[in-house]
Amino acid sequence: MPRKLRDLIRELTRAGFVERGGKGSHRNFVHPNVARPVTLSGSDGDDARRYQEKAVRLALKEAEI
């Protein structure tokens, strides 16, 4: 069962990512140690797609270094 977008956003903010804003339903999260911003689209209650979960996982891994 896929996780909700609100769970991914919660993980990003706990790791020190800051929401930079976005256009429409898109939100960009940036971190000083991560090269690219993480973009999530959809509302908080939507199911996260596989590529969104993968992007968050990779960004969290990169932020730990």
N, C-alpha and C. Protein backbone atom coordinates (compact mmCIF):
# COMPACT_ATOMS: atom_id res chain seq x y z
N MET A 1 0.85 -1.17 0.00
CA MET A 1 0.00 0.00 0.00
C MET A 1 0.90 1.24 0.00
N PRO A 2 0.67 2.16 -0.91
CA PRO A 2 1.53 3.36 -0.97
C PRO A 2 1.29 4.28 0.22
N ARG A 3 2.34 5.01 0.55
CA ARG A 3 2.23 5.97 1.64
C ARG A 3 1.55 7.24 1.12
N LYS A 4 1.14 8.08 2.03
CA LYS A 4 0.50 9.35 1.68
C LYS A 4 1.57 10.42 1.51
N LEU A 5 1.24 11.43 0.72
CA LEU A 5 2.18 12.53 0.50
C LEU A 5 2.50 13.25 1.80
N ARG A 6 1.54 13.33 2.70
CA ARG A 6 1.80 14.03 3.97
C ARG A 6 2.91 13.34 4.75
N ASP A 7 3.02 11.99 4.62
CA ASP A 7 4.10 11.27 5.30
C ASP A 7 5.46 11.61 4.70
N LEU A 8 5.52 11.72 3.38
CA LEU A 8 6.77 12.08 2.72
C LEU A 8 7.19 13.50 3.09
N ILE A 9 6.23 14.41 3.14
CA ILE A 9 6.52 15.80 3.50
C ILE A 9 7.01 15.87 4.94
N ARG A 10 6.41 15.10 5.82
CA ARG A 10 6.83 15.07 7.22
C ARG A 10 8.28 14.59 7.35
N GLU A 11 8.65 13.55 6.59
CA GLU A 11 10.02 13.05 6.63
C GLU A 11 11.00 14.11 6.13
N LEU A 12 10.64 14.80 5.06
CA LEU A 12 11.53 15.82 4.51
C LEU A 12 11.74 16.96 5.50
N THR A 13 10.68 17.43 6.12
CA THR A 13 10.81 18.56 7.05
C THR A 13 11.59 18.15 8.31
N ARG A 14 11.43 16.93 8.76
CA ARG A 14 12.20 16.46 9.92
C ARG A 14 13.69 16.37 9.60
N ALA A 15 14.03 16.12 8.33
CA ALA A 15 15.43 16.01 7.92
C ALA A 15 16.05 17.37 7.61
N GLY A 16 15.28 18.44 7.73
CA GLY A 16 15.83 19.77 7.52
C GLY A 16 15.53 20.39 6.18
N PHE A 17 14.68 19.78 5.39
CA PHE A 17 14.28 20.35 4.11
C PHE A 17 13.30 21.50 4.36
N VAL A 18 13.36 22.50 3.51
CA VAL A 18 12.49 23.67 3.63
C VAL A 18 11.66 23.77 2.36
N GLU A 19 10.37 24.03 2.52
CA GLU A 19 9.50 24.17 1.35
C GLU A 19 9.76 25.52 0.69
N ARG A 20 10.09 25.47 -0.59
CA ARG A 20 10.43 26.67 -1.34
C ARG A 20 9.23 27.21 -2.10
N GLY A 21 8.14 26.50 -2.08
CA GLY A 21 6.97 26.92 -2.84
C GLY A 21 6.85 26.13 -4.12
N GLY A 22 5.94 26.53 -4.96
CA GLY A 22 5.74 25.84 -6.21
C GLY A 22 4.57 26.45 -6.94
N LYS A 23 4.19 25.82 -8.01
CA LYS A 23 3.11 26.32 -8.84
C LYS A 23 2.00 25.28 -8.88
N GLY A 24 0.81 25.68 -8.53
CA GLY A 24 -0.31 24.74 -8.53
C GLY A 24 -0.17 23.77 -7.37
N SER A 25 -0.27 22.49 -7.67
CA SER A 25 -0.18 21.48 -6.62
C SER A 25 1.25 21.01 -6.40
N HIS A 26 2.22 21.61 -7.07
CA HIS A 26 3.61 21.22 -6.94
C HIS A 26 4.27 21.97 -5.78
N ARG A 27 5.11 21.25 -5.05
CA ARG A 27 5.86 21.83 -3.94
C ARG A 27 7.31 21.43 -4.09
N ASN A 28 8.22 22.37 -3.87
CA ASN A 28 9.65 22.11 -3.98
C ASN A 28 10.27 22.19 -2.59
N PHE A 29 11.09 21.20 -2.28
CA PHE A 29 11.78 21.16 -1.00
C PHE A 29 13.28 21.19 -1.26
N VAL A 30 13.97 22.08 -0.55
CA VAL A 30 15.41 22.24 -0.74
C VAL A 30 16.13 22.00 0.58
N HIS A 31 17.39 21.60 0.44
CA HIS A 31 18.26 21.33 1.58
C HIS A 31 19.65 21.78 1.18
N PRO A 32 20.42 22.38 2.09
CA PRO A 32 21.74 22.89 1.70
C PRO A 32 22.73 21.80 1.24
N ASN A 33 22.56 20.56 1.68
CA ASN A 33 23.48 19.49 1.31
C ASN A 33 23.03 18.68 0.10
N VAL A 34 21.87 18.98 -0.43
CA VAL A 34 21.32 18.22 -1.56
C VAL A 34 21.38 19.08 -2.81
N ALA A 35 21.89 18.51 -3.89
CA ALA A 35 22.12 19.26 -5.12
C ALA A 35 20.82 19.73 -5.79
N ARG A 36 19.82 18.87 -5.86
CA ARG A 36 18.58 19.19 -6.56
C ARG A 36 17.41 19.30 -5.59
N PRO A 37 16.45 20.16 -5.90
CA PRO A 37 15.25 20.19 -5.06
C PRO A 37 14.38 18.95 -5.30
N VAL A 38 13.63 18.58 -4.29
CA VAL A 38 12.68 17.47 -4.40
C VAL A 38 11.32 18.08 -4.69
N THR A 39 10.69 17.68 -5.78
CA THR A 39 9.38 18.20 -6.17
C THR A 39 8.33 17.14 -5.94
N LEU A 40 7.30 17.50 -5.18
CA LEU A 40 6.16 16.62 -4.94
C LEU A 40 4.91 17.30 -5.45
N SER A 41 4.08 16.54 -6.14
CA SER A 41 2.84 17.11 -6.65
C SER A 41 1.66 16.33 -6.08
N GLY A 42 0.57 17.04 -5.85
CA GLY A 42 -0.63 16.43 -5.31
C GLY A 42 -0.98 17.04 -3.98
N SER A 43 -2.15 16.67 -3.47
CA SER A 43 -2.57 17.17 -2.16
C SER A 43 -2.08 16.21 -1.07
N ASP A 44 -2.15 16.65 0.16
CA ASP A 44 -1.59 15.88 1.28
C ASP A 44 -2.17 14.47 1.39
N GLY A 45 -3.43 14.30 1.10
CA GLY A 45 -4.08 13.01 1.28
C GLY A 45 -3.92 12.04 0.12
N ASP A 46 -3.28 12.48 -0.96
CA ASP A 46 -3.09 11.61 -2.12
C ASP A 46 -2.04 10.54 -1.82
N ASP A 47 -2.19 9.40 -2.50
CA ASP A 47 -1.18 8.36 -2.40
C ASP A 47 0.07 8.81 -3.14
N ALA A 48 1.22 8.52 -2.55
CA ALA A 48 2.48 8.86 -3.19
C ALA A 48 2.77 7.86 -4.30
N ARG A 49 3.31 8.35 -5.37
CA ARG A 49 3.69 7.47 -6.48
C ARG A 49 5.09 6.91 -6.21
N ARG A 50 5.42 5.83 -6.90
CA ARG A 50 6.71 5.18 -6.66
C ARG A 50 7.88 6.12 -6.90
N TYR A 51 7.82 6.92 -7.96
CA TYR A 51 8.94 7.81 -8.26
C TYR A 51 9.08 8.90 -7.20
N GLN A 52 7.97 9.29 -6.58
CA GLN A 52 8.04 10.29 -5.52
C GLN A 52 8.69 9.70 -4.27
N GLU A 53 8.32 8.47 -3.93
CA GLU A 53 8.93 7.81 -2.78
C GLU A 53 10.42 7.60 -3.02
N LYS A 54 10.79 7.24 -4.23
CA LYS A 54 12.20 7.04 -4.56
C LYS A 54 12.97 8.36 -4.47
N ALA A 55 12.40 9.44 -4.97
CA ALA A 55 13.06 10.74 -4.93
C ALA A 55 13.29 11.19 -3.49
N VAL A 56 12.31 10.97 -2.63
CA VAL A 56 12.44 11.35 -1.22
C VAL A 56 13.50 10.48 -0.55
N ARG A 57 13.48 9.19 -0.82
CA ARG A 57 14.45 8.28 -0.22
C ARG A 57 15.88 8.67 -0.60
N LEU A 58 16.11 8.96 -1.88
CA LEU A 58 17.44 9.35 -2.33
C LEU A 58 17.87 10.69 -1.75
N ALA A 59 16.95 11.63 -1.66
CA ALA A 59 17.27 12.95 -1.10
C ALA A 59 17.61 12.85 0.38
N LEU A 60 16.88 12.02 1.13
CA LEU A 60 17.17 11.85 2.54
C LEU A 60 18.54 11.20 2.73
N LYS A 61 18.87 10.27 1.86
CA LYS A 61 20.17 9.61 1.93
C LYS A 61 21.28 10.62 1.64
N GLU A 62 21.08 11.47 0.66
CA GLU A 62 22.07 12.49 0.30
C GLU A 62 22.21 13.54 1.40
N ALA A 63 21.14 13.85 2.08
CA ALA A 63 21.17 14.88 3.13
C ALA A 63 21.95 14.42 4.35
N GLU A 64 22.04 13.11 4.57
CA GLU A 64 22.74 12.59 5.75
C GLU A 64 24.24 12.79 5.64
N ILE A 65 24.76 12.87 4.45
CA ILE A 65 26.22 12.95 4.25
C ILE A 65 26.77 14.27 4.70
